[in-house]
């Protein structure tokens, strides 16, 4: 039943404040929520979850990620309810909401839970063999955040005809070709609708415009490259992230994160 809690100052952009598996979960009531992003997943048994007055059942392999300060409670419906969990923190913790598409609660299916369980087990192995590599752990944390943004945030819309017909192809195009000079006109032409209608659909399903999504995707890629390629120059990071003008990239990076790419890199 390995459980690990952070006991050092937060210096990394993203990291885990706590992480654990095979935990015998007790009943928990948080009328004011939890101060950090918190993920909980059933490993054995069944849990009952209440979030802001709505009730859900959490079967084996299913889980949920909840934003800070969202009222919730949970308890086991079976004699034994075992869970795995983690909480996110970091110097860029305030950006997590944007990474997750402004969603305050994200539910995961059993299939997605299998992937998350493997991820947690691999991370815990790093805790078991000190000294802990804080940089590698920060990258793990960021990759897990991207998994939620990529693989989970759209799951509620996967069967929506409008989403499938217009949004999904555009997301695929952005994710596969974000390094190209994509324009909203080109993206809307690809699915045979106007840029205005594409923007309305993005706002409906994802809570942002197509341009904002493209920018967020590129910014997230830039952060990933800054973390994983610490010796690559900013101009090259900009190019790899889809920005042809490094000055524009630096300005956009500072606007979205509150710091320059070099300042972001120094934090890590």
Protein backbone atom coordinates (compact mmCIF):
# COMPACT_ATOMS: atom_id res chain seq x y z
CA UNK A 1 0.00 0.00 0.00
CA UNK A 2 2.60 2.60 -1.12
CA UNK A 3 1.60 6.19 -0.41
CA UNK A 4 3.92 9.16 -0.99
CA UNK A 5 3.47 12.78 0.05
CA UNK A 6 5.60 15.71 -1.04
CA UNK A 7 7.84 17.01 1.76
CA UNK A 8 10.04 19.47 -0.17
CA UNK A 9 9.43 22.98 -1.58
CA UNK A 10 7.68 23.17 -4.95
CA UNK A 11 10.23 24.18 -7.61
CA UNK A 12 8.99 22.30 -10.68
CA UNK A 13 6.33 23.59 -13.14
CA UNK A 14 4.15 20.51 -12.51
CA UNK A 15 4.57 17.71 -10.00
CA UNK A 16 2.68 15.44 -7.61
CA UNK A 17 1.81 16.58 -4.12
CA UNK A 18 0.75 13.04 -3.24
CA UNK A 19 0.35 9.72 -5.01
CA UNK A 20 -0.68 6.27 -3.89
CA UNK A 21 -2.17 2.94 -4.83
CA UNK A 22 -4.00 0.03 -3.18
CA UNK A 23 -5.38 2.44 -0.56
CA UNK A 24 -8.23 1.23 1.67
CA UNK A 25 -10.43 4.25 1.08
CA UNK A 26 -12.36 5.73 3.98
CA UNK A 27 -15.46 7.91 3.73
CA UNK A 28 -14.54 11.50 2.95
CA UNK A 29 -16.64 14.68 3.09
CA UNK A 30 -15.25 17.93 1.70
CA UNK A 31 -17.92 20.65 1.64
CA UNK A 32 -15.30 23.19 0.51
CA UNK A 33 -13.46 20.82 -1.79
CA UNK A 34 -9.75 20.00 -1.83
CA UNK A 35 -7.15 22.74 -2.43
CA UNK A 36 -5.43 20.87 -5.31
CA UNK A 37 -6.44 18.99 -8.43
CA UNK A 38 -7.28 15.53 -7.14
CA UNK A 39 -7.71 12.22 -8.98
CA UNK A 40 -9.35 9.14 -7.44
CA UNK A 41 -9.88 5.74 -9.11
CA UNK A 42 -11.44 2.50 -7.87
CA UNK A 43 -9.08 -0.48 -7.82
CA UNK A 44 -11.37 -2.89 -5.96
CA UNK A 45 -15.00 -2.66 -4.93
CA UNK A 46 -17.44 0.15 -5.71
CA UNK A 47 -17.50 3.75 -4.54
CA UNK A 48 -20.30 6.29 -4.29
CA UNK A 49 -19.38 9.84 -5.31
CA UNK A 50 -21.29 13.08 -4.71
CA UNK A 51 -20.12 16.22 -6.50
CA UNK A 52 -22.05 19.46 -5.98
CA UNK A 53 -25.26 17.59 -5.28
CA UNK A 54 -24.94 15.09 -8.16
CA UNK A 55 -24.37 11.40 -7.43
CA UNK A 56 -22.26 8.83 -9.29
CA UNK A 57 -21.08 5.25 -8.92
CA UNK A 58 -17.39 4.49 -9.33
CA UNK A 59 -16.87 0.87 -10.41
CA UNK A 60 -13.54 -0.92 -10.70
CA UNK A 61 -11.20 0.90 -13.08
CA UNK A 62 -13.32 4.04 -13.18
CA UNK A 63 -12.14 7.35 -11.77
CA UNK A 64 -12.55 11.10 -11.70
CA UNK A 65 -10.35 14.18 -11.64
CA UNK A 66 -11.76 17.16 -9.77
CA UNK A 67 -10.62 20.79 -9.64
CA UNK A 68 -9.73 22.58 -6.40
CA UNK A 69 -12.46 23.80 -4.05
CA UNK A 70 -15.30 21.85 -5.70
CA UNK A 71 -17.66 20.45 -3.04
CA UNK A 72 -17.62 16.64 -3.00
CA UNK A 73 -17.78 13.52 -0.85
CA UNK A 74 -17.36 9.79 -1.36
CA UNK A 75 -17.71 6.48 0.42
CA UNK A 76 -17.49 2.78 -0.35
CA UNK A 77 -20.64 0.91 -1.33
CA UNK A 78 -18.87 -2.42 -0.77
CA UNK A 79 -17.21 -3.81 2.36
CA UNK A 80 -13.78 -3.04 0.91
CA UNK A 81 -13.14 -0.12 -1.41
CA UNK A 82 -9.55 0.26 -2.57
CA UNK A 83 -8.39 3.18 -4.64
CA UNK A 84 -5.40 4.75 -6.31
CA UNK A 85 -5.00 8.52 -6.32
CA UNK A 86 -2.76 11.50 -6.94
CA UNK A 87 -2.85 15.28 -6.49
CA UNK A 88 -1.24 17.87 -8.76
CA UNK A 89 0.80 20.92 -7.76
CA UNK A 90 3.66 22.98 -9.18
CA UNK A 91 4.76 26.53 -9.88
CA UNK A 92 2.45 26.56 -12.92
CA UNK A 93 -0.47 24.97 -11.11
CA UNK A 94 -2.73 27.87 -12.15
CA UNK A 95 -2.40 26.75 -15.79
CA UNK A 96 -3.80 23.26 -15.17
CA UNK A 97 -7.39 24.45 -15.67
CA UNK A 98 -6.53 25.70 -19.17
CA UNK A 99 -4.68 22.49 -20.02
CA UNK A 100 -7.80 20.55 -19.05
CA UNK A 101 -10.08 22.72 -21.18
CA UNK A 102 -11.58 24.59 -18.20
CA UNK A 103 -13.36 21.43 -16.99
CA UNK A 104 -13.82 21.15 -13.24
CA UNK A 105 -14.67 17.43 -13.21
CA UNK A 106 -13.44 14.76 -15.65
CA UNK A 107 -14.59 11.15 -15.41
CA UNK A 108 -12.49 8.29 -16.77
CA UNK A 109 -13.69 4.98 -18.17
CA UNK A 110 -12.35 1.56 -17.22
CA UNK A 111 -10.23 1.48 -20.38
CA UNK A 112 -8.69 4.85 -19.58
CA UNK A 113 -8.31 3.80 -15.95
CA UNK A 114 -6.14 0.86 -17.02
CA UNK A 115 -3.71 3.26 -18.67
CA UNK A 116 -3.72 5.59 -15.68
CA UNK A 117 -3.07 2.67 -13.27
CA UNK A 118 0.00 1.67 -15.29
CA UNK A 119 1.17 5.26 -15.27
CA UNK A 120 0.78 5.50 -11.48
CA UNK A 121 2.62 2.21 -10.92
CA UNK A 122 5.56 3.37 -13.04
CA UNK A 123 5.74 6.69 -11.19
CA UNK A 124 5.62 4.99 -7.78
CA UNK A 125 8.59 2.83 -8.80
CA UNK A 126 10.61 6.05 -9.08
CA UNK A 127 9.65 6.98 -5.52
CA UNK A 128 10.80 3.55 -4.35
CA UNK A 129 14.37 4.13 -5.57
CA UNK A 130 15.77 7.38 -4.15
CA UNK A 131 17.21 9.86 -4.81
CA UNK A 132 14.13 11.04 -6.64
CA UNK A 133 14.66 12.70 -10.02
CA UNK A 134 12.49 15.82 -9.66
CA UNK A 135 12.87 16.78 -13.33
CA UNK A 136 11.79 13.36 -14.59
CA UNK A 137 8.86 13.41 -12.18
CA UNK A 138 7.79 16.83 -13.46
CA UNK A 139 7.78 15.49 -17.02
CA UNK A 140 5.71 12.49 -15.88
CA UNK A 141 3.23 14.82 -14.25
CA UNK A 142 2.95 16.97 -17.37
CA UNK A 143 2.49 13.93 -19.61
CA UNK A 144 -0.30 12.70 -17.35
CA UNK A 145 -1.98 16.11 -17.58
CA UNK A 146 -1.74 15.93 -21.37
CA UNK A 147 -3.29 12.46 -21.27
CA UNK A 148 -6.32 13.93 -19.52
CA UNK A 149 -6.46 16.84 -21.96
CA UNK A 150 -6.09 14.60 -25.03
CA UNK A 151 -7.81 11.39 -24.08
CA UNK A 152 -10.49 12.36 -21.62
CA UNK A 153 -11.69 15.91 -22.07
CA UNK A 154 -13.69 15.11 -25.20
CA UNK A 155 -15.13 11.78 -24.09
CA UNK A 156 -18.51 13.23 -23.17
CA UNK A 157 -18.95 14.40 -26.77
CA UNK A 158 -17.65 11.36 -28.60
CA UNK A 159 -21.12 10.29 -29.76
CA UNK A 160 -22.33 13.78 -30.70
CA UNK A 161 -22.85 13.92 -34.53
CA UNK A 162 -21.79 17.58 -34.77
CA UNK A 163 -18.66 16.88 -32.73
CA UNK A 164 -17.73 13.86 -34.83
CA UNK A 165 -18.41 15.57 -38.14
CA UNK A 166 -16.80 18.96 -37.55
CA UNK A 167 -14.73 19.12 -34.36
CA UNK A 168 -12.95 15.74 -34.31
CA UNK A 169 -11.38 16.12 -37.80
CA UNK A 170 -10.16 19.63 -36.94
CA UNK A 171 -8.65 18.45 -33.65
CA UNK A 172 -6.85 15.66 -35.48
CA UNK A 173 -5.53 18.12 -38.04
CA UNK A 174 -4.26 20.46 -35.32
CA UNK A 175 -2.66 17.66 -33.31
CA UNK A 176 -0.97 16.11 -36.35
CA UNK A 177 0.08 19.32 -38.15
CA UNK A 178 0.44 22.01 -35.48
CA UNK A 179 3.91 22.82 -36.86
CA UNK A 180 2.35 23.95 -40.15
CA UNK A 181 0.98 27.45 -40.80
CA UNK A 182 -2.62 26.49 -40.03
CA UNK A 183 -5.34 29.13 -40.32
CA UNK A 184 -8.92 29.01 -39.07
CA UNK A 185 -10.07 29.57 -42.66
CA UNK A 186 -8.18 26.47 -43.79
CA UNK A 187 -9.47 24.40 -40.88
CA UNK A 188 -13.07 25.42 -41.51
CA UNK A 189 -12.70 24.78 -45.26
CA UNK A 190 -11.51 21.28 -44.45
CA UNK A 191 -14.90 20.42 -42.91
CA UNK A 192 -16.92 22.63 -45.33
CA UNK A 193 -18.24 25.19 -42.84
CA UNK A 194 -17.57 28.87 -42.16
CA UNK A 195 -14.94 30.03 -39.67
CA UNK A 196 -17.72 31.61 -37.61
CA UNK A 197 -19.64 28.35 -37.34
CA UNK A 198 -16.47 26.43 -36.50
CA UNK A 199 -15.80 28.92 -33.70
CA UNK A 200 -19.33 28.50 -32.33
CA UNK A 201 -18.96 24.70 -32.33
CA UNK A 202 -15.61 24.91 -30.54
CA UNK A 203 -17.12 27.20 -27.93
CA UNK A 204 -20.03 24.79 -27.45
CA UNK A 205 -17.98 21.62 -27.07
CA UNK A 206 -14.59 22.79 -25.76
CA UNK A 207 -15.25 26.20 -24.25
CA UNK A 208 -12.72 27.99 -26.48
CA UNK A 209 -12.32 29.06 -30.10
CA UNK A 210 -10.47 26.99 -32.68
CA UNK A 211 -7.69 29.59 -32.66
CA UNK A 212 -7.43 29.41 -28.87
CA UNK A 213 -7.28 25.61 -29.02
CA UNK A 214 -4.51 25.74 -31.63
CA UNK A 215 -2.58 28.24 -29.51
CA UNK A 216 -3.04 26.18 -26.33
CA UNK A 217 -1.92 23.04 -28.14
CA UNK A 218 1.21 24.77 -29.42
CA UNK A 219 1.93 26.27 -26.00
CA UNK A 220 1.62 22.86 -24.35
CA UNK A 221 3.98 21.38 -26.93
CA UNK A 222 6.42 24.22 -26.30
CA UNK A 223 6.35 23.52 -22.55
CA UNK A 224 6.92 19.84 -23.24
CA UNK A 225 9.91 20.62 -25.50
CA UNK A 226 11.36 23.09 -23.00
CA UNK A 227 11.24 20.39 -20.33
CA UNK A 228 12.50 17.48 -22.41
CA UNK A 229 15.12 19.34 -24.49
CA UNK A 230 16.78 21.71 -22.01
CA UNK A 231 19.68 22.60 -24.33
CA UNK A 232 17.65 23.43 -27.45
CA UNK A 233 17.50 27.16 -28.19
CA UNK A 234 14.23 29.03 -27.80
CA UNK A 235 14.13 29.84 -31.52
CA UNK A 236 14.18 26.12 -32.31
CA UNK A 237 11.55 25.40 -29.65
CA UNK A 238 9.36 28.03 -31.32
CA UNK A 239 9.79 26.38 -34.72
CA UNK A 240 9.05 22.91 -33.36
CA UNK A 241 5.92 24.26 -31.69
CA UNK A 242 4.54 25.82 -34.87
CA UNK A 243 5.66 29.45 -34.52
CA UNK A 244 7.55 30.97 -37.44
CA UNK A 245 8.38 34.16 -35.50
CA UNK A 246 10.32 33.57 -32.28
CA UNK A 247 9.48 37.05 -30.97
CA UNK A 248 5.77 36.34 -31.41
CA UNK A 249 6.28 32.96 -29.71
CA UNK A 250 7.98 34.55 -26.70
CA UNK A 251 5.22 37.19 -26.41
CA UNK A 252 2.46 34.54 -26.63
CA UNK A 253 4.27 32.28 -24.16
CA UNK A 254 4.55 35.10 -21.63
CA UNK A 255 0.91 36.07 -22.17
CA UNK A 256 -0.36 32.52 -21.50
CA UNK A 257 2.06 31.48 -18.71
CA UNK A 258 3.10 34.76 -17.12
CA UNK A 259 6.78 34.12 -17.84
CA UNK A 260 9.20 33.86 -20.74
CA UNK A 261 10.33 30.47 -22.12
CA UNK A 262 13.74 30.91 -20.47
CA UNK A 263 12.13 31.71 -17.12
CA UNK A 264 9.96 28.61 -17.51
CA UNK A 265 13.06 26.55 -18.24
CA UNK A 266 14.92 27.93 -15.20
CA UNK A 267 12.06 26.84 -12.95
CA UNK A 268 12.85 23.29 -13.94
